[in-house]
């Protein structure tokens, strides 16, 4: 069966490959601290079902303990090494099979292999927190090779350390009017496509959450990154098929094999 990608909003996607359901950075909240979900419904219970869930790094919009608590008993959960020490709430998720992973690890789930790859992003739970864990990306290898970048900036060895891949799920925005270091915006994500040369791509991590009370502050940064990524990708990586999904929409992108 071809790989199927469903985007639920922010960095949360379901990747279905070889009868295995992989869920990325589960976030099922209507509100998270100062952030409010402004587009797309909260993912339904069907979105909570997965064989394995992947957490890219410890920031609360990517490692959200209440959302992880909704996963079914026995679900495997891959988190960066050191996460359980940095986020004590993880220890309460006794119904999940929690595995800490490091760069280069490979985890077999059914007929897919989940490989951890580098990300250039601050992996601490808090900006000044004492506990450090690496920020990671993941490549899900089954019928296709699907790259979930999590949060990352560009880095020189991206193509070598991540690729080759067939499908790239790339962050193209954020949840506020400014993106700091260690992020991809639409332009940098298009450059990542040019380096990775996948067959297909899906933009994520934009147009879902926005700070409460900041609706009028640079709204372009909330609404436009997906379409801007499509435009820039056509210029810089014209051979890549880019699929712009709405919240809850799915696509079966082409793969190289």
C-alpha atoms as a PDB file:
ATOM      1  CA  UNK A   1       0.000   0.000   0.000  1.00  0.00           C
ATOM      2  CA  UNK A   2       1.395   3.457  -0.827  1.00  0.00           C
ATOM      3  CA  UNK A   3       2.400   5.672   2.083  1.00  0.00           C
ATOM      4  CA  UNK A   4      -0.366   7.981   3.291  1.00  0.00           C
ATOM      5  CA  UNK A   5       0.256  11.233   5.149  1.00  0.00           C
ATOM      6  CA  UNK A   6      -2.392  13.005   7.248  1.00  0.00           C
ATOM      7  CA  UNK A   7      -1.652  16.436   8.697  1.00  0.00           C
ATOM      8  CA  UNK A   8      -3.560  17.178  11.899  1.00  0.00           C
ATOM      9  CA  UNK A   9      -2.010  20.607  12.470  1.00  0.00           C
ATOM     10  CA  UNK A  10       1.240  22.049  13.823  1.00  0.00           C
ATOM     11  CA  UNK A  11       3.852  19.230  13.717  1.00  0.00           C
ATOM     12  CA  UNK A  12       1.335  16.404  14.246  1.00  0.00           C
ATOM     13  CA  UNK A  13       1.047  13.972  11.324  1.00  0.00           C
ATOM     14  CA  UNK A  14       0.073  10.365  10.829  1.00  0.00           C
ATOM     15  CA  UNK A  15       2.324   8.419   8.472  1.00  0.00           C
ATOM     16  CA  UNK A  16       0.801   5.117   7.365  1.00  0.00           C
ATOM     17  CA  UNK A  17       3.295   2.795   5.714  1.00  0.00           C
ATOM     18  CA  UNK A  18       3.361  -1.011   5.431  1.00  0.00           C
ATOM     19  CA  UNK A  19       0.298  -1.290   7.733  1.00  0.00           C
ATOM     20  CA  UNK A  20       2.124   0.634  10.464  1.00  0.00           C
ATOM     21  CA  UNK A  21       0.722   3.916  11.841  1.00  0.00           C
ATOM     22  CA  UNK A  22       3.361   6.421  12.911  1.00  0.00           C
ATOM     23  CA  UNK A  23       2.298   9.589  14.768  1.00  0.00           C
ATOM     24  CA  UNK A  24       4.598  12.604  14.952  1.00  0.00           C
ATOM     25  CA  UNK A  25       4.792  15.083  17.860  1.00  0.00           C
ATOM     26  CA  UNK A  26       1.220  14.499  19.091  1.00  0.00           C
ATOM     27  CA  UNK A  27      -0.527  17.719  20.110  1.00  0.00           C
ATOM     28  CA  UNK A  28      -4.277  17.441  20.653  1.00  0.00           C
ATOM     29  CA  UNK A  29      -4.891  20.620  22.679  1.00  0.00           C
ATOM     30  CA  UNK A  30      -7.218  23.513  21.960  1.00  0.00           C
ATOM     31  CA  UNK A  31      -4.993  25.727  24.076  1.00  0.00           C
ATOM     32  CA  UNK A  32      -1.384  25.382  25.241  1.00  0.00           C
ATOM     33  CA  UNK A  33      -0.160  27.994  27.727  1.00  0.00           C
ATOM     34  CA  UNK A  34      -0.358  31.296  25.793  1.00  0.00           C
ATOM     35  CA  UNK A  35      -1.166  29.596  22.486  1.00  0.00           C
ATOM     36  CA  UNK A  36      -4.642  29.066  21.066  1.00  0.00           C
ATOM     37  CA  UNK A  37      -5.605  26.812  18.197  1.00  0.00           C
ATOM     38  CA  UNK A  38      -6.903  29.230  15.592  1.00  0.00           C
ATOM     39  CA  UNK A  39      -7.308  26.955  12.581  1.00  0.00           C
ATOM     40  CA  UNK A  40      -8.438  23.369  12.224  1.00  0.00           C
ATOM     41  CA  UNK A  41     -10.445  21.277  14.661  1.00  0.00           C
ATOM     42  CA  UNK A  42      -8.718  19.500  17.518  1.00  0.00           C
ATOM     43  CA  UNK A  43      -7.740  16.079  16.110  1.00  0.00           C
ATOM     44  CA  UNK A  44     -10.448  13.460  16.731  1.00  0.00           C
ATOM     45  CA  UNK A  45      -9.923  10.226  18.686  1.00  0.00           C
ATOM     46  CA  UNK A  46      -9.100   8.430  15.432  1.00  0.00           C
ATOM     47  CA  UNK A  47      -5.944  10.555  15.276  1.00  0.00           C
ATOM     48  CA  UNK A  48      -4.792   9.224  18.636  1.00  0.00           C
ATOM     49  CA  UNK A  49      -4.335   5.701  17.287  1.00  0.00           C
ATOM     50  CA  UNK A  50      -0.770   4.738  16.406  1.00  0.00           C
ATOM     51  CA  UNK A  51       1.631   1.837  16.570  1.00  0.00           C
ATOM     52  CA  UNK A  52       4.467   4.201  17.421  1.00  0.00           C
ATOM     53  CA  UNK A  53       4.594   7.902  18.271  1.00  0.00           C
ATOM     54  CA  UNK A  54       7.689  10.023  17.689  1.00  0.00           C
ATOM     55  CA  UNK A  55       8.740  13.033  19.764  1.00  0.00           C
ATOM     56  CA  UNK A  56      11.343  15.215  18.092  1.00  0.00           C
ATOM     57  CA  UNK A  57      12.355  17.383  21.064  1.00  0.00           C
ATOM     58  CA  UNK A  58      11.253  18.504  24.506  1.00  0.00           C
ATOM     59  CA  UNK A  59       9.514  21.825  23.816  1.00  0.00           C
ATOM     60  CA  UNK A  60       5.960  21.723  25.130  1.00  0.00           C
ATOM     61  CA  UNK A  61       4.343  22.112  21.701  1.00  0.00           C
ATOM     62  CA  UNK A  62       6.150  18.946  20.574  1.00  0.00           C
ATOM     63  CA  UNK A  63       6.276  16.904  23.791  1.00  0.00           C
ATOM     64  CA  UNK A  64       2.812  17.494  25.275  1.00  0.00           C
ATOM     65  CA  UNK A  65       2.219  15.069  28.130  1.00  0.00           C
ATOM     66  CA  UNK A  66      -1.632  15.395  28.226  1.00  0.00           C
ATOM     67  CA  UNK A  67      -1.765  14.530  24.509  1.00  0.00           C
ATOM     68  CA  UNK A  68       0.574  11.567  24.963  1.00  0.00           C
ATOM     69  CA  UNK A  69      -1.667  10.349  27.793  1.00  0.00           C
ATOM     70  CA  UNK A  70      -4.473   9.867  25.234  1.00  0.00           C
ATOM     71  CA  UNK A  71      -2.516   7.259  23.275  1.00  0.00           C
ATOM     72  CA  UNK A  72      -3.753   3.704  23.611  1.00  0.00           C
ATOM     73  CA  UNK A  73      -2.120   1.320  26.070  1.00  0.00           C
ATOM     74  CA  UNK A  74       0.887  -0.428  24.577  1.00  0.00           C
ATOM     75  CA  UNK A  75       1.684   2.322  22.062  1.00  0.00           C
ATOM     76  CA  UNK A  76       5.415   2.685  21.575  1.00  0.00           C
ATOM     77  CA  UNK A  77       6.772   6.159  22.214  1.00  0.00           C
ATOM     78  CA  UNK A  78      10.202   7.259  21.034  1.00  0.00           C
ATOM     79  CA  UNK A  79      11.660  10.282  22.830  1.00  0.00           C
ATOM     80  CA  UNK A  80      15.129  11.856  22.804  1.00  0.00           C
ATOM     81  CA  UNK A  81      17.589  10.444  25.297  1.00  0.00           C
ATOM     82  CA  UNK A  82      17.288  12.188  28.661  1.00  0.00           C
ATOM     83  CA  UNK A  83      13.638  13.152  28.157  1.00  0.00           C
ATOM     84  CA  UNK A  84      12.352  11.236  31.190  1.00  0.00           C
ATOM     85  CA  UNK A  85      14.714  13.113  33.489  1.00  0.00           C
ATOM     86  CA  UNK A  86      13.876  16.490  31.978  1.00  0.00           C
ATOM     87  CA  UNK A  87      10.095  15.920  31.815  1.00  0.00           C
ATOM     88  CA  UNK A  88       8.942  14.043  34.942  1.00  0.00           C
ATOM     89  CA  UNK A  89       5.415  13.757  33.541  1.00  0.00           C
ATOM     90  CA  UNK A  90       6.683  11.134  31.118  1.00  0.00           C
ATOM     91  CA  UNK A  91       7.197   8.762  34.033  1.00  0.00           C
ATOM     92  CA  UNK A  92       3.455   8.765  34.684  1.00  0.00           C
ATOM     93  CA  UNK A  93       2.691   7.357  31.237  1.00  0.00           C
ATOM     94  CA  UNK A  94       2.939   3.775  32.451  1.00  0.00           C
ATOM     95  CA  UNK A  95       0.469   2.598  29.805  1.00  0.00           C
ATOM     96  CA  UNK A  96       2.967   3.421  27.028  1.00  0.00           C
ATOM     97  CA  UNK A  97       6.184   1.676  26.006  1.00  0.00           C
ATOM     98  CA  UNK A  98       8.604   4.607  26.273  1.00  0.00           C
ATOM     99  CA  UNK A  99      12.011   4.220  24.625  1.00  0.00           C
ATOM    100  CA  UNK A 100      14.712   6.882  24.729  1.00  0.00           C
ATOM    101  CA  UNK A 101      16.657   7.119  21.481  1.00  0.00           C
ATOM    102  CA  UNK A 102      19.818   8.860  20.340  1.00  0.00           C
ATOM    103  CA  UNK A 103      21.214   9.959  17.016  1.00  0.00           C
ATOM    104  CA  UNK A 104      21.675   7.030  14.633  1.00  0.00           C
ATOM    105  CA  UNK A 105      19.431   4.591  16.502  1.00  0.00           C
ATOM    106  CA  UNK A 106      17.123   2.346  14.486  1.00  0.00           C
ATOM    107  CA  UNK A 107      13.847   1.036  15.889  1.00  0.00           C
ATOM    108  CA  UNK A 108      11.898  -1.745  14.167  1.00  0.00           C
ATOM    109  CA  UNK A 109       8.103  -1.477  14.317  1.00  0.00           C
ATOM    110  CA  UNK A 110       6.339  -4.112  12.253  1.00  0.00           C
ATOM    111  CA  UNK A 111       7.629  -3.794   8.706  1.00  0.00           C
ATOM    112  CA  UNK A 112       9.097  -0.320   9.104  1.00  0.00           C
ATOM    113  CA  UNK A 113      12.368   0.930  10.540  1.00  0.00           C
ATOM    114  CA  UNK A 114      12.445   4.293  12.319  1.00  0.00           C
ATOM    115  CA  UNK A 115      15.870   5.909  12.096  1.00  0.00           C
ATOM    116  CA  UNK A 116      16.899   8.960  14.127  1.00  0.00           C
ATOM    117  CA  UNK A 117      18.710  11.735  12.268  1.00  0.00           C
ATOM    118  CA  UNK A 118      20.169  15.114  13.301  1.00  0.00           C
ATOM    119  CA  UNK A 119      18.261  18.332  13.871  1.00  0.00           C
ATOM    120  CA  UNK A 120      19.678  21.776  14.552  1.00  0.00           C
ATOM    121  CA  UNK A 121      17.435  23.079  17.326  1.00  0.00           C
ATOM    122  CA  UNK A 122      17.558  23.782  21.059  1.00  0.00           C
ATOM    123  CA  UNK A 123      16.443  20.533  22.687  1.00  0.00           C
ATOM    124  CA  UNK A 124      15.968  21.761  26.261  1.00  0.00           C
ATOM    125  CA  UNK A 125      12.543  21.626  27.893  1.00  0.00           C
ATOM    126  CA  UNK A 126      12.876  25.227  29.067  1.00  0.00           C
ATOM    127  CA  UNK A 127      15.032  27.995  27.587  1.00  0.00           C
ATOM    128  CA  UNK A 128      17.182  28.038  30.733  1.00  0.00           C
ATOM    129  CA  UNK A 129      16.571  24.470  31.837  1.00  0.00           C
ATOM    130  CA  UNK A 130      19.498  22.440  33.187  1.00  0.00           C
ATOM    131  CA  UNK A 131      18.615  19.208  31.417  1.00  0.00           C
ATOM    132  CA  UNK A 132      19.654  18.843  27.797  1.00  0.00           C
ATOM    133  CA  UNK A 133      18.337  16.326  25.313  1.00  0.00           C
ATOM    134  CA  UNK A 134      19.148  16.297  21.612  1.00  0.00           C
ATOM    135  CA  UNK A 135      16.602  17.561  19.138  1.00  0.00           C
ATOM    136  CA  UNK A 136      16.053  14.813  16.578  1.00  0.00           C
ATOM    137  CA  UNK A 137      14.516  14.175  13.201  1.00  0.00           C
ATOM    138  CA  UNK A 138      13.216  10.790  12.117  1.00  0.00           C
ATOM    139  CA  UNK A 139      13.152   8.823   8.869  1.00  0.00           C
ATOM    140  CA  UNK A 140      10.419   6.185   8.614  1.00  0.00           C
ATOM    141  CA  UNK A 141      11.555   3.503   6.184  1.00  0.00           C
ATOM    142  CA  UNK A 142       8.990   1.083   4.780  1.00  0.00           C
ATOM    143  CA  UNK A 143       7.494   1.158   1.310  1.00  0.00           C
ATOM    144  CA  UNK A 144       8.756   4.744   1.253  1.00  0.00           C
ATOM    145  CA  UNK A 145      11.332   6.734   3.181  1.00  0.00           C
ATOM    146  CA  UNK A 146       9.530   9.573   4.971  1.00  0.00           C
ATOM    147  CA  UNK A 147      11.522  12.279   6.735  1.00  0.00           C
ATOM    148  CA  UNK A 148       9.939  14.080   9.683  1.00  0.00           C
ATOM    149  CA  UNK A 149      12.170  17.033  10.511  1.00  0.00           C
ATOM    150  CA  UNK A 150      10.600  18.081  13.821  1.00  0.00           C
ATOM    151  CA  UNK A 151      12.102  21.529  14.340  1.00  0.00           C
ATOM    152  CA  UNK A 152      15.429  22.247  12.711  1.00  0.00           C
ATOM    153  CA  UNK A 153      17.513  24.831  10.989  1.00  0.00           C
ATOM    154  CA  UNK A 154      19.487  24.165   7.837  1.00  0.00           C
ATOM    155  CA  UNK A 155      22.814  22.399   8.247  1.00  0.00           C
ATOM    156  CA  UNK A 156      25.566  21.621   5.773  1.00  0.00           C
ATOM    157  CA  UNK A 157      25.385  17.824   6.100  1.00  0.00           C
ATOM    158  CA  UNK A 158      21.587  17.595   5.884  1.00  0.00           C
ATOM    159  CA  UNK A 159      21.470  15.676   2.595  1.00  0.00           C
ATOM    160  CA  UNK A 160      24.144  13.217   3.706  1.00  0.00           C
ATOM    161  CA  UNK A 161      22.845  12.563   7.213  1.00  0.00           C
ATOM    162  CA  UNK A 162      19.119  12.499   6.410  1.00  0.00           C
ATOM    163  CA  UNK A 163      18.832  11.244   2.846  1.00  0.00           C
ATOM    164  CA  UNK A 164      18.007   9.754   0.585  1.00  0.00           C
ATOM    165  CA  UNK A 165      14.298  10.212   1.271  1.00  0.00           C
ATOM    166  CA  UNK A 166      11.123   9.999  -0.781  1.00  0.00           C
ATOM    167  CA  UNK A 167       8.828  12.258   1.255  1.00  0.00           C
ATOM    168  CA  UNK A 168       9.811  15.234   3.428  1.00  0.00           C
ATOM    169  CA  UNK A 169       7.568  16.662   6.168  1.00  0.00           C
ATOM    170  CA  UNK A 170       9.150  20.068   6.714  1.00  0.00           C
ATOM    171  CA  UNK A 171       8.337  22.876   9.161  1.00  0.00           C
ATOM    172  CA  UNK A 172       7.756  26.124   7.287  1.00  0.00           C
ATOM    173  CA  UNK A 173       6.593  28.496  10.049  1.00  0.00           C
ATOM    174  CA  UNK A 174       5.901  28.666  13.753  1.00  0.00           C
ATOM    175  CA  UNK A 175       3.426  29.905  16.340  1.00  0.00           C
ATOM    176  CA  UNK A 176       4.502  33.524  16.622  1.00  0.00           C
ATOM    177  CA  UNK A 177       5.433  36.510  14.474  1.00  0.00           C
ATOM    178  CA  UNK A 178       9.161  35.790  14.640  1.00  0.00           C
ATOM    179  CA  UNK A 179      11.216  32.658  14.062  1.00  0.00           C
ATOM    180  CA  UNK A 180      14.454  32.372  15.967  1.00  0.00           C
ATOM    181  CA  UNK A 181      17.599  30.463  15.158  1.00  0.00           C
ATOM    182  CA  UNK A 182      17.203  26.742  14.587  1.00  0.00           C
ATOM    183  CA  UNK A 183      13.985  26.953  12.571  1.00  0.00           C
ATOM    184  CA  UNK A 184      12.980  26.666   8.946  1.00  0.00           C
ATOM    185  CA  UNK A 185      10.800  29.331   7.408  1.00  0.00           C
ATOM    186  CA  UNK A 186       9.310  28.942   3.940  1.00  0.00           C
ATOM    187  CA  UNK A 187      12.516  30.029   2.200  1.00  0.00           C
ATOM    188  CA  UNK A 188      14.855  27.872   4.241  1.00  0.00           C
ATOM    189  CA  UNK A 189      12.498  24.917   3.898  1.00  0.00           C
ATOM    190  CA  UNK A 190      12.607  25.347   0.120  1.00  0.00           C
ATOM    191  CA  UNK A 191      16.399  25.319   0.340  1.00  0.00           C
ATOM    192  CA  UNK A 192      16.174  22.109   2.388  1.00  0.00           C
ATOM    193  CA  UNK A 193      14.126  20.577  -0.436  1.00  0.00           C
ATOM    194  CA  UNK A 194      16.808  21.545  -2.933  1.00  0.00           C
ATOM    195  CA  UNK A 195      19.396  19.760  -0.787  1.00  0.00           C
ATOM    196  CA  UNK A 196      17.345  16.659   0.033  1.00  0.00           C
ATOM    197  CA  UNK A 197      15.745  16.188  -3.414  1.00  0.00           C
ATOM    198  CA  UNK A 198      12.795  14.076  -2.244  1.00  0.00           C
ATOM    199  CA  UNK A 199      10.031  13.070  -4.623  1.00  0.00           C
ATOM    200  CA  UNK A 200       7.320  14.761  -2.539  1.00  0.00           C
ATOM    201  CA  UNK A 201       6.971  17.184   0.353  1.00  0.00           C
ATOM    202  CA  UNK A 202       4.309  18.329   2.806  1.00  0.00           C
ATOM    203  CA  UNK A 203       4.669  21.629   4.710  1.00  0.00           C
ATOM    204  CA  UNK A 204       3.825  21.465   8.436  1.00  0.00           C
ATOM    205  CA  UNK A 205       4.308  23.507  11.635  1.00  0.00           C
ATOM    206  CA  UNK A 206       2.393  26.626  10.605  1.00  0.00           C
ATOM    207  CA  UNK A 207      -1.104  28.065  10.582  1.00  0.00           C
ATOM    208  CA  UNK A 208      -2.436  26.235  13.636  1.00  0.00           C
ATOM    209  CA  UNK A 209      -1.492  27.943  16.923  1.00  0.00           C
ATOM    210  CA  UNK A 210      -1.049  31.656  17.598  1.00  0.00           C
ATOM    211  CA  UNK A 211      -0.426  33.582  20.816  1.00  0.00           C
ATOM    212  CA  UNK A 212      -3.559  34.837  22.561  1.00  0.00           C
ATOM    213  CA  UNK A 213      -3.999  38.556  22.045  1.00  0.00           C
ATOM    214  CA  UNK A 214      -1.630  38.721  19.068  1.00  0.00           C
ATOM    215  CA  UNK A 215      -4.179  38.128  16.308  1.00  0.00           C
ATOM    216  CA  UNK A 216      -3.393  41.469  14.673  1.00  0.00           C
ATOM    217  CA  UNK A 217       0.397  41.188  14.945  1.00  0.00           C
ATOM    218  CA  UNK A 218       1.866  40.258  11.575  1.00  0.00           C
ATOM    219  CA  UNK A 219      -0.998  37.870  10.660  1.00  0.00           C
ATOM    220  CA  UNK A 220       0.797  37.143   7.392  1.00  0.00           C
ATOM    221  CA  UNK A 221       3.255  35.047   9.402  1.00  0.00           C
ATOM    222  CA  UNK A 222       0.364  32.840  10.534  1.00  0.00           C
ATOM    223  CA  UNK A 223      -1.592  32.441   7.307  1.00  0.00           C
ATOM    224  CA  UNK A 224       0.954  32.547   4.481  1.00  0.00           C
ATOM    225  CA  UNK A 225       3.916  30.168   5.090  1.00  0.00           C
ATOM    226  CA  UNK A 226       2.340  27.154   3.388  1.00  0.00           C
ATOM    227  CA  UNK A 227       1.527  28.935   0.154  1.00  0.00           C
ATOM    228  CA  UNK A 228       4.841  30.794   0.247  1.00  0.00           C
ATOM    229  CA  UNK A 229       6.640  27.462   0.596  1.00  0.00           C
ATOM    230  CA  UNK A 230       4.791  26.091  -2.439  1.00  0.00           C
ATOM    231  CA  UNK A 231       5.882  29.129  -4.476  1.00  0.00           C
ATOM    232  CA  UNK A 232       9.516  29.038  -3.376  1.00  0.00           C
ATOM    233  CA  UNK A 233       9.791  25.269  -3.720  1.00  0.00           C
ATOM    234  CA  UNK A 234       8.666  25.562  -7.351  1.00  0.00           C
ATOM    235  CA  UNK A 235      11.591  27.950  -7.939  1.00  0.00           C
ATOM    236  CA  UNK A 236      14.318  26.163  -5.981  1.00  0.00           C
ATOM    237  CA  UNK A 237      13.274  22.507  -6.207  1.00  0.00           C
ATOM    238  CA  UNK A 238      10.994  22.280  -9.250  1.00  0.00           C
ATOM    239  CA  UNK A 239      11.235  18.500  -9.415  1.00  0.00           C
ATOM    240  CA  UNK A 240       9.566  18.032  -6.023  1.00  0.00           C
ATOM    241  CA  UNK A 241       5.788  17.567  -5.812  1.00  0.00           C
ATOM    242  CA  UNK A 242       4.577  19.722  -2.907  1.00  0.00           C
ATOM    243  CA  UNK A 243       1.236  18.832  -1.291  1.00  0.00           C
ATOM    244  CA  UNK A 244      -0.417  21.687   0.606  1.00  0.00           C
ATOM    245  CA  UNK A 245      -2.827  20.036   3.045  1.00  0.00           C
ATOM    246  CA  UNK A 246      -5.603  21.469   5.145  1.00  0.00           C
ATOM    247  CA  UNK A 247      -6.000  20.346   8.727  1.00  0.00           C
ATOM    248  CA  UNK A 248      -7.161  16.738   8.798  1.00  0.00           C
ATOM    249  CA  UNK A 249      -6.471  16.191   5.100  1.00  0.00           C
ATOM    250  CA  UNK A 250      -4.511  13.247   3.710  1.00  0.00           C
ATOM    251  CA  UNK A 251      -2.403  12.556   0.653  1.00  0.00           C
ATOM    252  CA  UNK A 252      -0.706   9.536  -0.865  1.00  0.00           C
ATOM    253  CA  UNK A 253       2.454  11.092  -2.255  1.00  0.00           C
ATOM    254  CA  UNK A 254       4.582   9.482  -4.879  1.00  0.00           C
ATOM    255  CA  UNK A 255       7.707   7.639  -3.756  1.00  0.00           C
ATOM    256  CA  UNK A 256      10.850   6.741  -5.666  1.00  0.00           C
ATOM    257  CA  UNK A 257      10.427   3.012  -5.199  1.00  0.00           C
END
